[in-house]
Amino acid sequence: MLDLRRCHRISPFASDKEGVAIILCESSATGRYQQLLAGLSVLESNLHKHLIEHIVSEVNLGTITNSAAATTWLRNSFFFQRIQRNPSHYASVIDADAVQSWQERVEELVSGAIAALKSAEIITVEKEENNAPDEIKVTELGEIMSRVSNGPLSPTRMN
C-alpha cells in the first residue's frame, strides 16, 4: 500500500509550490514508485476515510482553529484536487445526484466531522459573540487521540 501521508506536513495550506520527498522502500516496491514518478499510475487520496483523525491532529497542532480554517485546510488538500478530477473514485463521499458544488460538499464533510468530534467530546467548539469565528480546541481525550493514532479511529466513546 502506498503511504505518502507524511510528505504534506512540511508546509501548511500548500504554500510551497515544490519540494522533495525521499522514498525508502523494499526493492519489490521500486517499480510502483517509479511508475508513480513517471506519471504512469494515478495516486488517489484516502483522506476522506480518515478525515476525523486528521482534523483532530490538525486542531491539536494549531493548524485548524475554527470551522472556516478546517474548510480551507480541506480545500487545499490533495483529496480536494482528486475528488474534482476523479469523482467516481469517491462515490462513498459524494452524492452523484446532488446539485451541490464542491465547496458546499467540503463544508458538509467538515461540519459533519466537527459535529461527530464534538458529540464524542474529543473537541470543543465555542461560539464567540459579535459574529466572530467559532473556536475549536481539543479536549484531553482529543489530545490523546491525536498522539496515539496509528490507524483509523472512531470518535465513539466507550463508557
N, C-alpha and C. Protein backbone atom coordinates (compact mmCIF):
# COMPACT_ATOMS: atom_id res chain seq x y z
N MET A 1 0.84 -1.19 0.00
CA MET A 1 0.00 0.00 0.00
C MET A 1 0.88 1.24 0.00
N LEU A 2 0.58 2.16 -0.88
CA LEU A 2 1.35 3.39 -1.00
C LEU A 2 0.95 4.35 0.11
N ASP A 3 1.93 4.79 0.88
CA ASP A 3 1.65 5.65 2.02
C ASP A 3 2.57 6.86 1.97
N LEU A 4 2.06 7.98 1.47
CA LEU A 4 2.84 9.21 1.39
C LEU A 4 2.26 10.28 2.29
N ARG A 5 1.59 9.87 3.37
CA ARG A 5 0.90 10.82 4.25
C ARG A 5 1.82 11.88 4.83
N ARG A 6 3.02 11.55 5.17
CA ARG A 6 3.91 12.49 5.86
C ARG A 6 4.50 13.55 4.93
N CYS A 7 4.41 13.37 3.64
CA CYS A 7 5.01 14.33 2.71
C CYS A 7 4.34 15.70 2.76
N HIS A 8 3.12 15.78 3.18
CA HIS A 8 2.39 17.06 3.16
C HIS A 8 2.65 17.92 4.39
N ARG A 9 3.29 17.45 5.40
CA ARG A 9 3.41 18.18 6.67
C ARG A 9 4.42 19.32 6.64
N ILE A 10 5.21 19.46 5.61
CA ILE A 10 6.24 20.47 5.57
C ILE A 10 5.65 21.88 5.60
N SER A 11 4.63 22.11 4.81
CA SER A 11 4.10 23.46 4.67
C SER A 11 2.58 23.45 4.80
N PRO A 12 2.04 24.19 5.76
CA PRO A 12 0.59 24.21 5.90
C PRO A 12 -0.07 24.95 4.75
N PHE A 13 -1.27 24.53 4.40
CA PHE A 13 -2.09 25.16 3.37
C PHE A 13 -1.41 25.23 2.01
N ALA A 14 -0.53 24.31 1.73
CA ALA A 14 0.09 24.17 0.41
C ALA A 14 0.73 25.46 -0.08
N SER A 15 1.44 26.17 0.79
CA SER A 15 2.05 27.44 0.39
C SER A 15 3.31 27.23 -0.44
N ASP A 16 3.95 26.07 -0.33
CA ASP A 16 5.11 25.78 -1.16
C ASP A 16 4.64 25.19 -2.48
N LYS A 17 5.34 25.52 -3.54
CA LYS A 17 4.97 25.02 -4.87
C LYS A 17 5.77 23.79 -5.27
N GLU A 18 6.87 23.51 -4.57
CA GLU A 18 7.66 22.32 -4.88
C GLU A 18 8.37 21.85 -3.62
N GLY A 19 8.87 20.65 -3.68
CA GLY A 19 9.55 20.09 -2.53
C GLY A 19 10.22 18.78 -2.90
N VAL A 20 10.78 18.13 -1.93
CA VAL A 20 11.48 16.87 -2.14
C VAL A 20 10.94 15.85 -1.15
N ALA A 21 10.69 14.66 -1.66
CA ALA A 21 10.29 13.55 -0.80
C ALA A 21 11.24 12.40 -1.07
N ILE A 22 11.79 11.84 -0.04
CA ILE A 22 12.68 10.68 -0.17
C ILE A 22 11.86 9.46 0.19
N ILE A 23 11.81 8.52 -0.73
CA ILE A 23 11.02 7.32 -0.53
C ILE A 23 11.96 6.14 -0.31
N LEU A 24 11.87 5.55 0.86
CA LEU A 24 12.65 4.35 1.16
C LEU A 24 11.68 3.17 1.09
N CYS A 25 12.04 2.19 0.31
CA CYS A 25 11.13 1.05 0.15
C CYS A 25 11.93 -0.21 -0.13
N GLU A 26 11.24 -1.31 -0.04
CA GLU A 26 11.84 -2.59 -0.40
C GLU A 26 12.00 -2.63 -1.92
N SER A 27 12.96 -3.37 -2.39
CA SER A 27 13.22 -3.42 -3.83
C SER A 27 12.01 -3.92 -4.61
N SER A 28 11.18 -4.74 -3.98
CA SER A 28 9.99 -5.25 -4.68
C SER A 28 8.96 -4.15 -4.95
N ALA A 29 9.03 -3.04 -4.23
CA ALA A 29 8.08 -1.94 -4.42
C ALA A 29 8.63 -0.83 -5.30
N THR A 30 9.86 -0.93 -5.72
CA THR A 30 10.50 0.12 -6.51
C THR A 30 9.72 0.43 -7.78
N GLY A 31 9.26 -0.59 -8.47
CA GLY A 31 8.52 -0.39 -9.73
C GLY A 31 7.29 0.47 -9.55
N ARG A 32 6.57 0.25 -8.47
CA ARG A 32 5.35 1.02 -8.20
C ARG A 32 5.67 2.51 -8.05
N TYR A 33 6.73 2.81 -7.32
CA TYR A 33 7.11 4.21 -7.11
C TYR A 33 7.66 4.84 -8.39
N GLN A 34 8.40 4.07 -9.17
CA GLN A 34 8.91 4.59 -10.44
C GLN A 34 7.76 4.91 -11.40
N GLN A 35 6.73 4.06 -11.43
CA GLN A 35 5.56 4.33 -12.26
C GLN A 35 4.84 5.60 -11.79
N LEU A 36 4.75 5.76 -10.49
CA LEU A 36 4.12 6.95 -9.93
C LEU A 36 4.89 8.21 -10.33
N LEU A 37 6.20 8.17 -10.19
CA LEU A 37 7.02 9.32 -10.54
C LEU A 37 6.98 9.63 -12.03
N ALA A 38 6.85 8.61 -12.85
CA ALA A 38 6.80 8.79 -14.31
C ALA A 38 5.40 9.19 -14.78
N GLY A 39 4.44 9.23 -13.88
CA GLY A 39 3.08 9.59 -14.26
C GLY A 39 2.31 8.47 -14.92
N LEU A 40 2.77 7.24 -14.75
CA LEU A 40 2.12 6.09 -15.37
C LEU A 40 1.04 5.47 -14.50
N SER A 41 0.98 5.86 -13.25
CA SER A 41 -0.08 5.38 -12.37
C SER A 41 -0.68 6.58 -11.64
N VAL A 42 -1.91 6.43 -11.23
CA VAL A 42 -2.64 7.52 -10.58
C VAL A 42 -2.67 7.26 -9.08
N LEU A 43 -2.41 8.28 -8.34
CA LEU A 43 -2.46 8.21 -6.89
C LEU A 43 -3.75 8.87 -6.42
N GLU A 44 -4.54 8.17 -5.64
CA GLU A 44 -5.78 8.73 -5.11
C GLU A 44 -5.63 8.97 -3.61
N SER A 45 -6.44 9.85 -3.10
CA SER A 45 -6.41 10.21 -1.69
C SER A 45 -7.28 9.26 -0.86
N ASN A 46 -6.86 9.04 0.37
CA ASN A 46 -7.67 8.30 1.33
C ASN A 46 -8.06 9.18 2.51
N LEU A 47 -7.87 10.47 2.37
CA LEU A 47 -8.15 11.40 3.46
C LEU A 47 -9.59 11.29 3.94
N HIS A 48 -10.52 11.09 3.01
CA HIS A 48 -11.93 11.01 3.39
C HIS A 48 -12.22 9.82 4.31
N LYS A 49 -11.39 8.79 4.23
CA LYS A 49 -11.58 7.61 5.09
C LYS A 49 -11.08 7.85 6.51
N HIS A 50 -10.24 8.86 6.68
CA HIS A 50 -9.62 9.14 7.98
C HIS A 50 -9.74 10.62 8.34
N LEU A 51 -10.76 11.27 7.81
CA LEU A 51 -10.91 12.71 8.00
C LEU A 51 -10.97 13.11 9.46
N ILE A 52 -11.69 12.36 10.26
CA ILE A 52 -11.84 12.68 11.68
C ILE A 52 -10.49 12.70 12.39
N GLU A 53 -9.68 11.67 12.16
CA GLU A 53 -8.36 11.62 12.82
C GLU A 53 -7.48 12.78 12.38
N HIS A 54 -7.54 13.12 11.11
CA HIS A 54 -6.71 14.22 10.61
C HIS A 54 -7.16 15.57 11.16
N ILE A 55 -8.46 15.76 11.25
CA ILE A 55 -8.95 17.03 11.81
C ILE A 55 -8.52 17.17 13.26
N VAL A 56 -8.63 16.10 14.04
CA VAL A 56 -8.20 16.16 15.44
C VAL A 56 -6.71 16.52 15.52
N SER A 57 -5.91 15.88 14.70
CA SER A 57 -4.47 16.17 14.71
C SER A 57 -4.17 17.60 14.33
N GLU A 58 -4.86 18.11 13.31
CA GLU A 58 -4.63 19.48 12.86
C GLU A 58 -5.10 20.50 13.89
N VAL A 59 -6.18 20.19 14.61
CA VAL A 59 -6.63 21.07 15.70
C VAL A 59 -5.58 21.06 16.79
N ASN A 60 -5.08 19.88 17.13
CA ASN A 60 -4.06 19.77 18.17
C ASN A 60 -2.78 20.50 17.80
N LEU A 61 -2.42 20.50 16.51
CA LEU A 61 -1.22 21.20 16.03
C LEU A 61 -1.43 22.71 15.93
N GLY A 62 -2.70 23.15 15.93
CA GLY A 62 -2.99 24.57 15.80
C GLY A 62 -3.21 25.02 14.36
N THR A 63 -3.17 24.10 13.41
CA THR A 63 -3.43 24.43 12.01
C THR A 63 -4.90 24.78 11.82
N ILE A 64 -5.78 24.04 12.49
CA ILE A 64 -7.22 24.30 12.44
C ILE A 64 -7.62 24.90 13.78
N THR A 65 -8.17 26.10 13.72
CA THR A 65 -8.60 26.78 14.95
C THR A 65 -10.09 27.08 14.95
N ASN A 66 -10.73 26.95 13.78
CA ASN A 66 -12.17 27.18 13.68
C ASN A 66 -12.70 26.46 12.44
N SER A 67 -14.01 26.51 12.26
CA SER A 67 -14.64 25.79 11.14
C SER A 67 -14.16 26.30 9.79
N ALA A 68 -13.98 27.60 9.67
CA ALA A 68 -13.52 28.17 8.40
C ALA A 68 -12.12 27.68 8.07
N ALA A 69 -11.25 27.61 9.07
CA ALA A 69 -9.89 27.11 8.85
C ALA A 69 -9.91 25.63 8.45
N ALA A 70 -10.82 24.86 9.03
CA ALA A 70 -10.95 23.44 8.68
C ALA A 70 -11.39 23.29 7.22
N THR A 71 -12.32 24.12 6.80
CA THR A 71 -12.78 24.08 5.40
C THR A 71 -11.66 24.48 4.46
N THR A 72 -10.92 25.52 4.81
CA THR A 72 -9.78 25.96 3.99
C THR A 72 -8.74 24.86 3.91
N TRP A 73 -8.45 24.23 5.04
CA TRP A 73 -7.48 23.14 5.08
C TRP A 73 -7.89 22.02 4.13
N LEU A 74 -9.16 21.63 4.16
CA LEU A 74 -9.62 20.54 3.30
C LEU A 74 -9.62 20.96 1.83
N ARG A 75 -9.98 22.20 1.54
CA ARG A 75 -9.96 22.69 0.15
C ARG A 75 -8.55 22.75 -0.42
N ASN A 76 -7.55 22.86 0.42
CA ASN A 76 -6.16 22.90 -0.03
C ASN A 76 -5.49 21.54 0.00
N SER A 77 -6.27 20.51 0.19
CA SER A 77 -5.69 19.16 0.30
C SER A 77 -5.63 18.47 -1.05
N PHE A 78 -4.81 17.45 -1.11
CA PHE A 78 -4.72 16.57 -2.28
C PHE A 78 -6.08 15.91 -2.53
N PHE A 79 -6.77 15.58 -1.46
CA PHE A 79 -8.11 14.98 -1.56
C PHE A 79 -9.04 15.86 -2.39
N PHE A 80 -9.06 17.16 -2.13
CA PHE A 80 -9.94 18.08 -2.83
C PHE A 80 -9.59 18.13 -4.32
N GLN A 81 -8.30 18.09 -4.63
CA GLN A 81 -7.87 18.08 -6.03
C GLN A 81 -8.34 16.80 -6.73
N ARG A 82 -8.18 15.67 -6.06
CA ARG A 82 -8.52 14.39 -6.68
C ARG A 82 -10.03 14.19 -6.80
N ILE A 83 -10.80 14.63 -5.84
CA ILE A 83 -12.25 14.42 -5.90
C ILE A 83 -12.86 15.19 -7.08
N GLN A 84 -12.23 16.29 -7.46
CA GLN A 84 -12.71 17.04 -8.62
C GLN A 84 -12.32 16.36 -9.93
N ARG A 85 -11.17 15.72 -9.93
CA ARG A 85 -10.68 15.08 -11.16
C ARG A 85 -11.22 13.66 -11.36
N ASN A 86 -11.53 12.97 -10.27
CA ASN A 86 -11.99 11.59 -10.37
C ASN A 86 -13.13 11.33 -9.39
N PRO A 87 -14.27 11.99 -9.58
CA PRO A 87 -15.36 11.87 -8.61
C PRO A 87 -15.88 10.43 -8.43
N SER A 88 -15.79 9.61 -9.46
CA SER A 88 -16.31 8.24 -9.33
C SER A 88 -15.53 7.43 -8.30
N HIS A 89 -14.27 7.74 -8.09
CA HIS A 89 -13.46 7.03 -7.08
C HIS A 89 -13.95 7.34 -5.67
N TYR A 90 -14.60 8.48 -5.51
CA TYR A 90 -15.02 8.96 -4.19
C TYR A 90 -16.54 8.89 -4.03
N ALA A 91 -17.15 7.89 -4.66
CA ALA A 91 -18.61 7.74 -4.65
C ALA A 91 -19.17 7.64 -3.23
N SER A 92 -18.38 7.09 -2.30
CA SER A 92 -18.86 6.97 -0.92
C SER A 92 -18.95 8.32 -0.23
N VAL A 93 -18.30 9.32 -0.77
CA VAL A 93 -18.24 10.64 -0.15
C VAL A 93 -19.19 11.62 -0.82
N ILE A 94 -19.43 11.43 -2.09
CA ILE A 94 -20.27 12.39 -2.82
C ILE A 94 -21.54 11.71 -3.30
N ASP A 95 -22.55 12.50 -3.44
CA ASP A 95 -23.83 12.03 -3.97
C ASP A 95 -23.91 12.51 -5.41
N ALA A 96 -23.82 11.58 -6.35
CA ALA A 96 -23.80 11.92 -7.76
C ALA A 96 -25.06 12.66 -8.20
N ASP A 97 -26.18 12.42 -7.52
CA ASP A 97 -27.44 13.06 -7.89
C ASP A 97 -27.61 14.43 -7.25
N ALA A 98 -26.75 14.76 -6.30
CA ALA A 98 -26.88 16.04 -5.61
C ALA A 98 -26.46 17.18 -6.52
N VAL A 99 -27.00 18.34 -6.27
CA VAL A 99 -26.70 19.51 -7.07
C VAL A 99 -25.71 20.41 -6.34
N GLN A 100 -25.02 19.85 -5.36
CA GLN A 100 -24.08 20.62 -4.56
C GLN A 100 -22.83 20.98 -5.35
N SER A 101 -22.24 22.11 -5.00
CA SER A 101 -20.94 22.44 -5.54
C SER A 101 -19.89 21.71 -4.70
N TRP A 102 -18.66 21.66 -5.20
CA TRP A 102 -17.59 21.04 -4.43
C TRP A 102 -17.38 21.77 -3.12
N GLN A 103 -17.50 23.10 -3.15
CA GLN A 103 -17.32 23.88 -1.93
C GLN A 103 -18.37 23.53 -0.90
N GLU A 104 -19.62 23.39 -1.33
CA GLU A 104 -20.69 23.02 -0.41
C GLU A 104 -20.46 21.62 0.18
N ARG A 105 -19.99 20.70 -0.65
CA ARG A 105 -19.76 19.33 -0.19
C ARG A 105 -18.63 19.30 0.82
N VAL A 106 -17.58 20.09 0.58
CA VAL A 106 -16.46 20.16 1.53
C VAL A 106 -16.94 20.73 2.86
N GLU A 107 -17.74 21.78 2.81
CA GLU A 107 -18.28 22.36 4.04
C GLU A 107 -19.12 21.34 4.79
N GLU A 108 -19.89 20.53 4.06
CA GLU A 108 -20.71 19.49 4.68
C GLU A 108 -19.84 18.40 5.33
N LEU A 109 -18.77 17.99 4.66
CA LEU A 109 -17.86 17.00 5.23
C LEU A 109 -17.21 17.52 6.51
N VAL A 110 -16.77 18.77 6.47
CA VAL A 110 -16.12 19.38 7.63
C VAL A 110 -17.11 19.52 8.78
N SER A 111 -18.29 20.05 8.51
CA SER A 111 -19.26 20.25 9.59
C SER A 111 -19.70 18.91 10.18
N GLY A 112 -19.82 17.88 9.36
CA GLY A 112 -20.17 16.55 9.86
C GLY A 112 -19.09 15.98 10.77
N ALA A 113 -17.83 16.13 10.35
CA ALA A 113 -16.72 15.64 11.16
C ALA A 113 -16.62 16.40 12.48
N ILE A 114 -16.78 17.72 12.42
CA ILE A 114 -16.71 18.53 13.63
C ILE A 114 -17.85 18.18 14.58
N ALA A 115 -19.05 17.98 14.04
CA ALA A 115 -20.19 17.60 14.88
C ALA A 115 -19.95 16.25 15.55
N ALA A 116 -19.40 15.28 14.82
CA ALA A 116 -19.13 13.96 15.40
C ALA A 116 -18.08 14.06 16.49
N LEU A 117 -17.04 14.85 16.24
CA LEU A 117 -15.98 15.01 17.24
C LEU A 117 -16.48 15.74 18.48
N LYS A 118 -17.33 16.73 18.28
CA LYS A 118 -17.90 17.46 19.42
C LYS A 118 -18.81 16.55 20.23
N SER A 119 -19.62 15.78 19.54
CA SER A 119 -20.54 14.86 20.20
C SER A 119 -19.79 13.82 21.04
N ALA A 120 -18.64 13.39 20.56
CA ALA A 120 -17.83 12.40 21.28
C ALA A 120 -16.92 13.05 22.32
N GLU A 121 -17.05 14.36 22.48
CA GLU A 121 -16.25 15.12 23.45
C GLU A 121 -14.75 15.01 23.19
N ILE A 122 -14.38 14.96 21.91
CA ILE A 122 -12.98 14.93 21.50
C ILE A 122 -12.49 16.34 21.22
N ILE A 123 -13.41 17.22 20.81
CA ILE A 123 -13.11 18.64 20.64
C ILE A 123 -14.20 19.45 21.32
N THR A 124 -13.90 20.72 21.56
CA THR A 124 -14.92 21.67 22.00
C THR A 124 -15.03 22.74 20.92
N VAL A 125 -16.23 23.24 20.73
CA VAL A 125 -16.46 24.32 19.77
C VAL A 125 -17.16 25.43 20.53
N GLU A 126 -16.47 26.53 20.65
CA GLU A 126 -17.03 27.67 21.37
C GLU A 126 -17.40 28.75 20.38
N LYS A 127 -18.67 29.13 20.41
CA LYS A 127 -19.15 30.21 19.54
C LYS A 127 -18.88 31.53 20.22
N GLU A 128 -18.25 32.42 19.50
CA GLU A 128 -17.96 33.75 20.02
C GLU A 128 -19.12 34.68 19.67
N GLU A 129 -19.24 35.74 20.41
CA GLU A 129 -20.27 36.74 20.13
C GLU A 129 -19.76 37.70 19.07
N ASN A 130 -20.63 38.58 18.62
CA ASN A 130 -20.29 39.61 17.64
C ASN A 130 -19.81 39.04 16.31
N ASN A 131 -20.39 37.93 15.88
CA ASN A 131 -20.07 37.31 14.60
C ASN A 131 -18.61 36.90 14.44
N ALA A 132 -17.90 36.74 15.54
CA ALA A 132 -16.52 36.25 15.47
C ALA A 132 -16.55 34.76 15.14
N PRO A 133 -15.50 34.23 14.54
CA PRO A 133 -15.49 32.81 14.20
C PRO A 133 -15.51 31.94 15.45
N ASP A 134 -16.03 30.72 15.29
CA ASP A 134 -16.02 29.78 16.40
C ASP A 134 -14.58 29.39 16.72
N GLU A 135 -14.37 28.84 17.89
CA GLU A 135 -13.02 28.42 18.29
C GLU A 135 -13.06 26.93 18.61
N ILE A 136 -12.23 26.17 17.93
CA ILE A 136 -12.18 24.72 18.12
C ILE A 136 -10.90 24.38 18.88
N LYS A 137 -11.07 23.57 19.93
CA LYS A 137 -9.93 23.10 20.73
C LYS A 137 -10.11 21.62 21.00
N VAL A 138 -9.00 20.92 21.16
CA VAL A 138 -9.09 19.51 21.53
C VAL A 138 -9.28 19.40 23.04
N THR A 139 -10.01 18.39 23.44
CA THR A 139 -10.14 18.07 24.85
C THR A 139 -8.95 17.18 25.22
N GLU A 140 -8.88 16.78 26.46
CA GLU A 140 -7.81 15.86 26.87
C GLU A 140 -7.89 14.57 26.07
N LEU A 141 -9.11 14.08 25.87
CA LEU A 141 -9.31 12.87 25.06
C LEU A 141 -8.82 13.08 23.63
N GLY A 142 -9.12 14.26 23.06
CA GLY A 142 -8.68 14.56 21.70
C GLY A 142 -7.17 14.66 21.58
N GLU A 143 -6.55 15.19 22.62
CA GLU A 143 -5.09 15.29 22.63
C GLU A 143 -4.47 13.90 22.62
N ILE A 144 -5.02 13.02 23.44
CA ILE A 144 -4.54 11.63 23.47
C ILE A 144 -4.77 10.97 22.13
N MET A 145 -5.95 11.18 21.55
CA MET A 145 -6.28 10.57 20.27
C MET A 145 -5.30 11.00 19.19
N SER A 146 -4.95 12.28 19.16
CA SER A 146 -4.06 12.75 18.10
C SER A 146 -2.63 12.27 18.29
N ARG A 147 -2.26 11.93 19.49
CA ARG A 147 -0.89 11.47 19.75
C ARG A 147 -0.69 9.98 19.54
N VAL A 148 -1.72 9.20 19.76
CA VAL A 148 -1.55 7.75 19.68
C VAL A 148 -2.19 7.13 18.44
N SER A 149 -2.78 7.94 17.59
CA SER A 149 -3.47 7.40 16.42
C SER A 149 -2.47 6.88 15.40
N ASN A 150 -2.55 5.59 15.13
CA ASN A 150 -1.75 4.97 14.08
C ASN A 150 -2.63 4.36 13.02
N GLY A 151 -3.91 4.47 13.17
CA GLY A 151 -4.83 3.88 12.22
C GLY A 151 -6.19 4.49 12.39
N PRO A 152 -7.16 3.98 11.66
CA PRO A 152 -8.50 4.55 11.74
C PRO A 152 -9.07 4.44 13.15
N LEU A 153 -9.66 5.51 13.59
CA LEU A 153 -10.31 5.53 14.90
C LEU A 153 -11.74 5.98 14.73
N SER A 154 -12.53 5.65 15.69
CA SER A 154 -13.91 6.12 15.71
C SER A 154 -14.04 7.13 16.83
N PRO A 155 -14.79 8.21 16.61
CA PRO A 155 -14.95 9.16 17.69
C PRO A 155 -15.93 8.69 18.75
N THR A 156 -16.47 7.49 18.62
CA THR A 156 -17.43 6.97 19.57
C THR A 156 -16.74 6.64 20.88
N ARG A 157 -17.23 7.17 21.95
CA ARG A 157 -16.65 6.93 23.27
C ARG A 157 -17.24 5.66 23.85
N MET A 158 -16.41 4.90 24.52
CA MET A 158 -16.89 3.72 25.23
C MET A 158 -17.05 4.07 26.68
N ASN A 159 -18.16 3.73 27.26
CA ASN A 159 -18.39 4.02 28.68
C ASN A 159 -18.05 2.83 29.54
